[in-house]
Amino acid sequence: MQGYAHVFMAVGLALGLGLATAPDAGLAAGGGDSGGSDKATAGAKSELTAANKKIAETDYAGAIALLSKLIEAAPNDADALNLIGYSHRKLGDRDTALTFYLKALAAEPEHRGANEYLGELYLEMGDVAKAEERLKVLDRACFFGCEEYTDLKKAIAAYKASS
């Protein structure tokens, strides 16, 4: 039994860190979870799910309409702020996207999705140093690694390879 003590300790650590819980399915633009918190109410999660569906269909204007209502009711919802920023970026409105990403990070500085997408926006703007700053934040926020960190790291490498 003593040989299994390390296994039990690892399982206990994982449970204590909340690693054994499943992420919310369907709350992502581009796969995975939304990279945010579990603070959203059931109604907000429903709205986020509907907005994600619009994003998946590349109906960014429709997503913005849904997310605008959600943000009106909950102005500091980092998930909604991140997704509306993403939608604006996909429509080519970088300035508005930047504003919403920064608001999302003001509400939740280690929001994985907002850090990834802001890093991608910085790459679009040619600012590799700022994209790498977002990668450093994700490195700290994703203790055991996460999709957002991996995606941004790949995007930075691809950008550097093409420059």
N, C-alpha and C. Protein backbone atom coordinates (compact mmCIF):
# COMPACT_ATOMS: atom_id res chain seq x y z
N MET A 1 0.82 -1.20 0.00
CA MET A 1 0.00 0.00 0.00
C MET A 1 0.86 1.26 0.00
N GLN A 2 2.03 1.17 0.67
CA GLN A 2 2.89 2.34 0.71
C GLN A 2 3.36 2.76 -0.68
N GLY A 3 3.51 1.81 -1.59
CA GLY A 3 3.94 2.12 -2.95
C GLY A 3 2.96 2.99 -3.71
N TYR A 4 1.74 3.06 -3.24
CA TYR A 4 0.71 3.84 -3.93
C TYR A 4 0.49 5.20 -3.27
N ALA A 5 1.25 5.52 -2.25
CA ALA A 5 1.05 6.78 -1.54
C ALA A 5 1.20 7.96 -2.48
N HIS A 6 2.18 7.92 -3.38
CA HIS A 6 2.38 9.03 -4.31
C HIS A 6 1.20 9.20 -5.26
N VAL A 7 0.56 8.10 -5.62
CA VAL A 7 -0.62 8.17 -6.50
C VAL A 7 -1.77 8.84 -5.78
N PHE A 8 -2.01 8.45 -4.53
CA PHE A 8 -3.09 9.05 -3.76
C PHE A 8 -2.83 10.53 -3.52
N MET A 9 -1.57 10.87 -3.27
CA MET A 9 -1.23 12.28 -3.06
C MET A 9 -1.47 13.08 -4.34
N ALA A 10 -1.12 12.53 -5.50
CA ALA A 10 -1.32 13.21 -6.77
C ALA A 10 -2.81 13.40 -7.06
N VAL A 11 -3.60 12.36 -6.77
CA VAL A 11 -5.05 12.46 -6.98
C VAL A 11 -5.63 13.52 -6.05
N GLY A 12 -5.19 13.52 -4.81
CA GLY A 12 -5.67 14.51 -3.85
C GLY A 12 -5.30 15.92 -4.28
N LEU A 13 -4.08 16.10 -4.81
CA LEU A 13 -3.66 17.40 -5.29
C LEU A 13 -4.51 17.82 -6.47
N ALA A 14 -4.75 16.91 -7.40
CA ALA A 14 -5.57 17.23 -8.57
C ALA A 14 -6.98 17.64 -8.16
N LEU A 15 -7.55 16.91 -7.22
CA LEU A 15 -8.90 17.26 -6.75
C LEU A 15 -8.88 18.61 -6.04
N GLY A 16 -7.87 18.84 -5.25
CA GLY A 16 -7.76 20.11 -4.52
C GLY A 16 -7.60 21.29 -5.46
N LEU A 17 -6.94 21.08 -6.58
CA LEU A 17 -6.75 22.16 -7.55
C LEU A 17 -7.90 22.28 -8.53
N GLY A 18 -8.87 21.38 -8.41
CA GLY A 18 -10.04 21.44 -9.29
C GLY A 18 -9.76 20.87 -10.66
N LEU A 19 -8.73 20.04 -10.79
CA LEU A 19 -8.39 19.51 -12.10
C LEU A 19 -9.28 18.35 -12.53
N ALA A 20 -10.04 17.83 -11.61
CA ALA A 20 -10.86 16.67 -11.94
C ALA A 20 -12.23 17.08 -12.45
N THR A 21 -12.49 18.36 -12.58
CA THR A 21 -13.79 18.80 -13.07
C THR A 21 -13.73 18.98 -14.58
N ALA A 22 -14.81 18.68 -15.23
CA ALA A 22 -14.86 18.82 -16.69
C ALA A 22 -15.16 20.26 -17.06
N PRO A 23 -14.53 20.79 -18.11
CA PRO A 23 -14.84 22.14 -18.54
C PRO A 23 -16.23 22.19 -19.17
N ASP A 24 -16.80 23.39 -19.19
CA ASP A 24 -18.10 23.56 -19.84
C ASP A 24 -17.93 23.38 -21.34
N ALA A 25 -18.66 22.44 -21.89
CA ALA A 25 -18.60 22.22 -23.34
C ALA A 25 -19.39 23.30 -24.04
N GLY A 26 -18.93 23.67 -25.21
CA GLY A 26 -19.70 24.59 -26.05
C GLY A 26 -19.54 26.05 -25.72
N LEU A 27 -18.60 26.42 -24.86
CA LEU A 27 -18.44 27.83 -24.53
C LEU A 27 -17.15 28.37 -25.13
N ALA A 28 -16.92 28.09 -26.38
CA ALA A 28 -15.64 28.55 -26.93
C ALA A 28 -15.76 29.03 -28.34
N ALA A 29 -14.95 30.00 -28.64
CA ALA A 29 -14.75 30.41 -30.02
C ALA A 29 -13.48 29.71 -30.46
N GLY A 30 -13.62 28.70 -31.25
CA GLY A 30 -12.44 28.01 -31.74
C GLY A 30 -12.06 26.80 -30.92
N GLY A 31 -12.95 26.25 -30.12
CA GLY A 31 -12.67 25.00 -29.43
C GLY A 31 -12.32 25.19 -27.98
N GLY A 32 -12.44 24.13 -27.19
CA GLY A 32 -12.12 24.18 -25.77
C GLY A 32 -13.16 24.94 -25.01
N ASP A 33 -12.81 25.33 -23.77
CA ASP A 33 -13.75 26.17 -23.04
C ASP A 33 -13.43 27.62 -23.33
N SER A 34 -14.15 28.53 -22.72
CA SER A 34 -13.99 29.94 -23.03
C SER A 34 -12.75 30.52 -22.40
N GLY A 35 -12.04 29.73 -21.63
CA GLY A 35 -10.83 30.23 -21.02
C GLY A 35 -11.09 31.19 -19.90
N GLY A 36 -12.27 31.18 -19.36
CA GLY A 36 -12.63 32.12 -18.32
C GLY A 36 -12.96 31.43 -17.03
N SER A 37 -13.87 32.02 -16.31
CA SER A 37 -14.21 31.53 -14.99
C SER A 37 -15.53 30.79 -15.01
N ASP A 38 -15.87 30.21 -13.88
CA ASP A 38 -17.15 29.53 -13.74
C ASP A 38 -18.16 30.41 -13.01
N LYS A 39 -17.94 31.72 -13.02
CA LYS A 39 -18.78 32.66 -12.27
C LYS A 39 -20.09 33.00 -12.96
N ALA A 40 -20.21 32.67 -14.22
CA ALA A 40 -21.39 33.05 -14.98
C ALA A 40 -22.63 32.35 -14.46
N THR A 41 -23.75 33.05 -14.49
CA THR A 41 -25.01 32.46 -14.10
C THR A 41 -25.50 31.54 -15.21
N ALA A 42 -26.51 30.76 -14.94
CA ALA A 42 -27.07 29.86 -15.94
C ALA A 42 -27.56 30.65 -17.16
N GLY A 43 -28.20 31.79 -16.92
CA GLY A 43 -28.68 32.62 -18.03
C GLY A 43 -27.55 33.15 -18.87
N ALA A 44 -26.49 33.60 -18.21
CA ALA A 44 -25.33 34.11 -18.92
C ALA A 44 -24.66 33.00 -19.71
N LYS A 45 -24.58 31.80 -19.12
CA LYS A 45 -23.97 30.67 -19.84
C LYS A 45 -24.79 30.34 -21.08
N SER A 46 -26.10 30.44 -20.96
CA SER A 46 -26.97 30.19 -22.11
C SER A 46 -26.71 31.21 -23.21
N GLU A 47 -26.58 32.48 -22.82
CA GLU A 47 -26.28 33.54 -23.78
C GLU A 47 -24.91 33.33 -24.41
N LEU A 48 -23.92 32.94 -23.60
CA LEU A 48 -22.59 32.67 -24.13
C LEU A 48 -22.61 31.50 -25.11
N THR A 49 -23.39 30.49 -24.78
CA THR A 49 -23.51 29.34 -25.68
C THR A 49 -24.12 29.77 -27.01
N ALA A 50 -25.16 30.59 -26.95
CA ALA A 50 -25.80 31.09 -28.17
C ALA A 50 -24.82 31.95 -28.98
N ALA A 51 -24.03 32.78 -28.29
CA ALA A 51 -23.05 33.62 -28.98
C ALA A 51 -21.97 32.75 -29.62
N ASN A 52 -21.54 31.72 -28.92
CA ASN A 52 -20.54 30.81 -29.48
C ASN A 52 -21.06 30.10 -30.72
N LYS A 53 -22.34 29.80 -30.72
CA LYS A 53 -22.94 29.17 -31.90
C LYS A 53 -22.87 30.14 -33.08
N LYS A 54 -23.18 31.39 -32.82
CA LYS A 54 -23.10 32.40 -33.89
C LYS A 54 -21.66 32.52 -34.39
N ILE A 55 -20.70 32.51 -33.45
CA ILE A 55 -19.30 32.62 -33.83
C ILE A 55 -18.88 31.40 -34.67
N ALA A 56 -19.30 30.22 -34.25
CA ALA A 56 -18.98 29.01 -35.00
C ALA A 56 -19.53 29.07 -36.42
N GLU A 57 -20.65 29.77 -36.59
CA GLU A 57 -21.28 29.93 -37.90
C GLU A 57 -20.70 31.15 -38.65
N THR A 58 -19.68 31.77 -38.07
CA THR A 58 -19.06 33.01 -38.56
C THR A 58 -20.05 34.16 -38.67
N ASP A 59 -21.09 34.13 -37.86
CA ASP A 59 -22.05 35.23 -37.77
C ASP A 59 -21.59 36.14 -36.63
N TYR A 60 -20.50 36.86 -36.89
CA TYR A 60 -19.91 37.69 -35.84
C TYR A 60 -20.81 38.86 -35.45
N ALA A 61 -21.52 39.43 -36.40
CA ALA A 61 -22.45 40.52 -36.09
C ALA A 61 -23.56 40.01 -35.18
N GLY A 62 -24.07 38.81 -35.46
CA GLY A 62 -25.09 38.22 -34.60
C GLY A 62 -24.56 37.95 -33.21
N ALA A 63 -23.32 37.48 -33.11
CA ALA A 63 -22.70 37.25 -31.80
C ALA A 63 -22.56 38.56 -31.05
N ILE A 64 -22.15 39.61 -31.74
CA ILE A 64 -21.99 40.92 -31.10
C ILE A 64 -23.32 41.41 -30.54
N ALA A 65 -24.40 41.21 -31.28
CA ALA A 65 -25.72 41.64 -30.80
C ALA A 65 -26.08 40.91 -29.50
N LEU A 66 -25.87 39.60 -29.46
CA LEU A 66 -26.17 38.82 -28.25
C LEU A 66 -25.26 39.23 -27.09
N LEU A 67 -23.98 39.36 -27.38
CA LEU A 67 -23.02 39.67 -26.33
C LEU A 67 -23.20 41.10 -25.80
N SER A 68 -23.62 42.01 -26.65
CA SER A 68 -23.87 43.39 -26.21
C SER A 68 -24.95 43.43 -25.14
N LYS A 69 -26.00 42.63 -25.32
CA LYS A 69 -27.07 42.57 -24.32
C LYS A 69 -26.55 41.97 -23.02
N LEU A 70 -25.74 40.94 -23.14
CA LEU A 70 -25.18 40.30 -21.95
C LEU A 70 -24.27 41.27 -21.19
N ILE A 71 -23.45 42.02 -21.92
CA ILE A 71 -22.53 42.97 -21.29
C ILE A 71 -23.29 44.13 -20.67
N GLU A 72 -24.41 44.49 -21.28
CA GLU A 72 -25.24 45.55 -20.70
C GLU A 72 -25.73 45.13 -19.32
N ALA A 73 -26.08 43.87 -19.18
CA ALA A 73 -26.56 43.35 -17.90
C ALA A 73 -25.42 43.02 -16.94
N ALA A 74 -24.28 42.62 -17.48
CA ALA A 74 -23.13 42.23 -16.65
C ALA A 74 -21.87 42.81 -17.28
N PRO A 75 -21.59 44.10 -17.02
CA PRO A 75 -20.50 44.79 -17.72
C PRO A 75 -19.10 44.24 -17.45
N ASN A 76 -18.93 43.44 -16.42
CA ASN A 76 -17.61 42.90 -16.10
C ASN A 76 -17.51 41.40 -16.38
N ASP A 77 -18.38 40.88 -17.22
CA ASP A 77 -18.33 39.47 -17.57
C ASP A 77 -17.17 39.26 -18.54
N ALA A 78 -16.06 38.74 -18.03
CA ALA A 78 -14.84 38.60 -18.83
C ALA A 78 -15.04 37.68 -20.04
N ASP A 79 -15.84 36.64 -19.88
CA ASP A 79 -16.10 35.74 -21.00
C ASP A 79 -16.80 36.48 -22.14
N ALA A 80 -17.83 37.24 -21.81
CA ALA A 80 -18.58 37.99 -22.82
C ALA A 80 -17.71 39.08 -23.44
N LEU A 81 -16.94 39.78 -22.62
CA LEU A 81 -16.05 40.82 -23.14
C LEU A 81 -15.02 40.23 -24.09
N ASN A 82 -14.48 39.08 -23.74
CA ASN A 82 -13.52 38.41 -24.60
C ASN A 82 -14.14 38.03 -25.94
N LEU A 83 -15.31 37.42 -25.89
CA LEU A 83 -15.95 36.96 -27.13
C LEU A 83 -16.41 38.10 -28.02
N ILE A 84 -16.84 39.20 -27.41
CA ILE A 84 -17.23 40.34 -28.25
C ILE A 84 -15.98 40.95 -28.88
N GLY A 85 -14.88 40.95 -28.14
CA GLY A 85 -13.61 41.40 -28.73
C GLY A 85 -13.20 40.52 -29.88
N TYR A 86 -13.31 39.21 -29.69
CA TYR A 86 -12.99 38.24 -30.75
C TYR A 86 -13.84 38.49 -31.99
N SER A 87 -15.13 38.71 -31.79
CA SER A 87 -16.05 38.94 -32.91
C SER A 87 -15.69 40.21 -33.67
N HIS A 88 -15.38 41.26 -32.92
CA HIS A 88 -14.97 42.51 -33.59
C HIS A 88 -13.66 42.31 -34.36
N ARG A 89 -12.73 41.56 -33.79
CA ARG A 89 -11.46 41.31 -34.47
C ARG A 89 -11.69 40.54 -35.77
N LYS A 90 -12.57 39.55 -35.72
CA LYS A 90 -12.86 38.76 -36.91
C LYS A 90 -13.55 39.60 -37.99
N LEU A 91 -14.23 40.67 -37.59
CA LEU A 91 -14.85 41.58 -38.55
C LEU A 91 -13.86 42.66 -39.01
N GLY A 92 -12.63 42.62 -38.49
CA GLY A 92 -11.61 43.56 -38.92
C GLY A 92 -11.52 44.83 -38.11
N ASP A 93 -12.28 44.93 -37.03
CA ASP A 93 -12.27 46.13 -36.19
C ASP A 93 -11.31 45.92 -35.02
N ARG A 94 -10.03 46.11 -35.29
CA ARG A 94 -9.00 45.85 -34.30
C ARG A 94 -9.08 46.78 -33.09
N ASP A 95 -9.39 48.04 -33.32
CA ASP A 95 -9.44 48.99 -32.20
C ASP A 95 -10.53 48.62 -31.19
N THR A 96 -11.70 48.27 -31.70
CA THR A 96 -12.78 47.87 -30.80
C THR A 96 -12.45 46.55 -30.12
N ALA A 97 -11.85 45.63 -30.86
CA ALA A 97 -11.43 44.35 -30.28
C ALA A 97 -10.46 44.60 -29.13
N LEU A 98 -9.47 45.46 -29.35
CA LEU A 98 -8.49 45.78 -28.32
C LEU A 98 -9.17 46.31 -27.06
N THR A 99 -10.13 47.20 -27.25
CA THR A 99 -10.86 47.78 -26.12
C THR A 99 -11.54 46.68 -25.30
N PHE A 100 -12.21 45.75 -25.96
CA PHE A 100 -12.93 44.70 -25.24
C PHE A 100 -11.97 43.69 -24.59
N TYR A 101 -10.88 43.35 -25.26
CA TYR A 101 -9.91 42.44 -24.63
C TYR A 101 -9.34 43.06 -23.36
N LEU A 102 -9.02 44.35 -23.44
CA LEU A 102 -8.46 45.02 -22.26
C LEU A 102 -9.48 45.10 -21.12
N LYS A 103 -10.75 45.30 -21.46
CA LYS A 103 -11.80 45.28 -20.43
C LYS A 103 -11.92 43.89 -19.81
N ALA A 104 -11.84 42.85 -20.64
CA ALA A 104 -11.91 41.48 -20.12
C ALA A 104 -10.76 41.23 -19.15
N LEU A 105 -9.57 41.70 -19.52
CA LEU A 105 -8.40 41.48 -18.66
C LEU A 105 -8.43 42.36 -17.41
N ALA A 106 -9.09 43.50 -17.49
CA ALA A 106 -9.26 44.33 -16.29
C ALA A 106 -10.16 43.60 -15.30
N ALA A 107 -11.16 42.91 -15.82
CA ALA A 107 -12.09 42.16 -14.97
C ALA A 107 -11.45 40.87 -14.46
N GLU A 108 -10.63 40.24 -15.28
CA GLU A 108 -10.02 38.95 -14.94
C GLU A 108 -8.65 38.86 -15.62
N PRO A 109 -7.60 39.34 -14.95
CA PRO A 109 -6.28 39.47 -15.59
C PRO A 109 -5.69 38.18 -16.18
N GLU A 110 -6.03 37.04 -15.64
CA GLU A 110 -5.48 35.79 -16.17
C GLU A 110 -6.48 35.03 -17.04
N HIS A 111 -7.47 35.71 -17.56
CA HIS A 111 -8.45 35.08 -18.44
C HIS A 111 -7.70 34.49 -19.63
N ARG A 112 -7.78 33.18 -19.75
CA ARG A 112 -6.99 32.50 -20.77
C ARG A 112 -7.38 32.91 -22.19
N GLY A 113 -8.66 32.94 -22.47
CA GLY A 113 -9.12 33.29 -23.81
C GLY A 113 -8.73 34.70 -24.20
N ALA A 114 -8.94 35.65 -23.30
CA ALA A 114 -8.62 37.05 -23.60
C ALA A 114 -7.12 37.23 -23.80
N ASN A 115 -6.31 36.55 -23.01
CA ASN A 115 -4.86 36.65 -23.19
C ASN A 115 -4.43 36.07 -24.52
N GLU A 116 -4.99 34.92 -24.89
CA GLU A 116 -4.64 34.33 -26.19
C GLU A 116 -5.07 35.24 -27.33
N TYR A 117 -6.31 35.67 -27.33
CA TYR A 117 -6.83 36.46 -28.44
C TYR A 117 -6.16 37.83 -28.52
N LEU A 118 -5.84 38.42 -27.37
CA LEU A 118 -5.12 39.69 -27.39
C LEU A 118 -3.73 39.48 -27.97
N GLY A 119 -3.10 38.37 -27.62
CA GLY A 119 -1.80 38.06 -28.21
C GLY A 119 -1.90 37.91 -29.71
N GLU A 120 -2.94 37.26 -30.18
CA GLU A 120 -3.15 37.10 -31.63
C GLU A 120 -3.39 38.46 -32.29
N LEU A 121 -4.14 39.32 -31.62
CA LEU A 121 -4.37 40.67 -32.15
C LEU A 121 -3.04 41.42 -32.25
N TYR A 122 -2.22 41.32 -31.22
CA TYR A 122 -0.92 41.99 -31.27
C TYR A 122 -0.09 41.48 -32.44
N LEU A 123 -0.15 40.19 -32.73
CA LEU A 123 0.56 39.66 -33.89
C LEU A 123 0.02 40.27 -35.18
N GLU A 124 -1.31 40.39 -35.27
CA GLU A 124 -1.92 41.01 -36.46
C GLU A 124 -1.43 42.45 -36.62
N MET A 125 -1.13 43.09 -35.49
CA MET A 125 -0.66 44.47 -35.51
C MET A 125 0.86 44.55 -35.64
N GLY A 126 1.53 43.40 -35.69
CA GLY A 126 2.98 43.36 -35.84
C GLY A 126 3.77 43.58 -34.57
N ASP A 127 3.12 43.45 -33.42
CA ASP A 127 3.79 43.68 -32.14
C ASP A 127 4.08 42.35 -31.43
N VAL A 128 5.18 41.73 -31.81
CA VAL A 128 5.55 40.42 -31.27
C VAL A 128 5.85 40.51 -29.77
N ALA A 129 6.48 41.58 -29.34
CA ALA A 129 6.84 41.73 -27.93
C ALA A 129 5.60 41.69 -27.04
N LYS A 130 4.54 42.38 -27.45
CA LYS A 130 3.31 42.38 -26.65
C LYS A 130 2.62 41.01 -26.70
N ALA A 131 2.70 40.34 -27.84
CA ALA A 131 2.14 38.98 -27.94
C ALA A 131 2.89 38.06 -26.99
N GLU A 132 4.19 38.21 -26.91
CA GLU A 132 4.99 37.38 -26.01
C GLU A 132 4.69 37.68 -24.54
N GLU A 133 4.32 38.92 -24.24
CA GLU A 133 3.88 39.26 -22.87
C GLU A 133 2.62 38.47 -22.51
N ARG A 134 1.68 38.38 -23.46
CA ARG A 134 0.46 37.61 -23.22
C ARG A 134 0.80 36.13 -23.03
N LEU A 135 1.78 35.64 -23.77
CA LEU A 135 2.21 34.24 -23.63
C LEU A 135 2.77 34.00 -22.23
N LYS A 136 3.51 34.96 -21.70
CA LYS A 136 4.05 34.82 -20.34
C LYS A 136 2.92 34.77 -19.32
N VAL A 137 1.90 35.58 -19.50
CA VAL A 137 0.75 35.54 -18.59
C VAL A 137 0.09 34.17 -18.67
N LEU A 138 -0.09 33.66 -19.87
CA LEU A 138 -0.70 32.34 -20.03
C LEU A 138 0.17 31.25 -19.42
N ASP A 139 1.47 31.40 -19.51
CA ASP A 139 2.37 30.42 -18.91
C ASP A 139 2.14 30.34 -17.40
N ARG A 140 1.92 31.49 -16.77
CA ARG A 140 1.63 31.52 -15.33
C ARG A 140 0.22 31.02 -15.03
N ALA A 141 -0.74 31.42 -15.87
CA ALA A 141 -2.14 31.08 -15.62
C ALA A 141 -2.45 29.60 -15.88
N CYS A 142 -1.70 29.00 -16.77
CA CYS A 142 -1.93 27.60 -17.17
C CYS A 142 -0.87 26.74 -16.52
N PHE A 143 -1.02 26.51 -15.24
CA PHE A 143 -0.02 25.81 -14.43
C PHE A 143 0.38 24.48 -15.05
N PHE A 144 -0.57 23.72 -15.54
CA PHE A 144 -0.28 22.43 -16.16
C PHE A 144 -0.39 22.51 -17.69
N GLY A 145 -0.32 23.70 -18.23
CA GLY A 145 -0.47 23.88 -19.67
C GLY A 145 -1.94 24.00 -20.05
N CYS A 146 -2.19 24.64 -21.19
CA CYS A 146 -3.56 24.78 -21.67
C CYS A 146 -3.54 25.05 -23.17
N GLU A 147 -4.67 24.85 -23.78
CA GLU A 147 -4.81 25.04 -25.22
C GLU A 147 -4.48 26.47 -25.64
N GLU A 148 -4.91 27.44 -24.84
CA GLU A 148 -4.68 28.84 -25.19
C GLU A 148 -3.18 29.16 -25.26
N TYR A 149 -2.42 28.63 -24.30
CA TYR A 149 -0.96 28.83 -24.30
C TYR A 149 -0.35 28.19 -25.55
N THR A 150 -0.73 26.95 -25.81
CA THR A 150 -0.18 26.22 -26.96
C THR A 150 -0.52 26.93 -28.27
N ASP A 151 -1.77 27.38 -28.40
CA ASP A 151 -2.20 28.05 -29.63
C ASP A 151 -1.43 29.35 -29.85
N LEU A 152 -1.28 30.16 -28.80
CA LEU A 152 -0.57 31.43 -28.95
C LEU A 152 0.91 31.19 -29.22
N LYS A 153 1.48 30.21 -28.57
CA LYS A 153 2.90 29.89 -28.80
C LYS A 153 3.12 29.51 -30.27
N LYS A 154 2.21 28.69 -30.81
CA LYS A 154 2.31 28.30 -32.22
C LYS A 154 2.13 29.51 -33.14
N ALA A 155 1.19 30.38 -32.80
CA ALA A 155 0.95 31.57 -33.62
C ALA A 155 2.17 32.48 -33.63
N ILE A 156 2.82 32.64 -32.49
CA ILE A 156 4.02 33.48 -32.42
C ILE A 156 5.14 32.84 -33.25
N ALA A 157 5.31 31.55 -33.13
CA ALA A 157 6.35 30.85 -33.90
C ALA A 157 6.09 30.98 -35.39
N ALA A 158 4.84 30.83 -35.81
CA ALA A 158 4.48 30.96 -37.22
C ALA A 158 4.73 32.39 -37.71
N TYR A 159 4.39 33.36 -36.88
CA TYR A 159 4.61 34.76 -37.25
C TYR A 159 6.09 35.02 -37.45
N LYS A 160 6.90 34.55 -36.51
CA LYS A 160 8.35 34.76 -36.60
C LYS A 160 8.93 34.06 -37.82
N ALA A 161 8.43 32.86 -38.14
CA ALA A 161 8.93 32.10 -39.28
C ALA A 161 8.59 32.80 -40.61
N SER A 162 7.46 33.53 -40.62
CA SER A 162 7.04 34.18 -41.86
C SER A 162 7.61 35.58 -42.00
N SER A 163 8.23 36.09 -40.95
CA SER A 163 8.78 37.47 -41.01
C SER A 163 10.18 37.51 -41.58
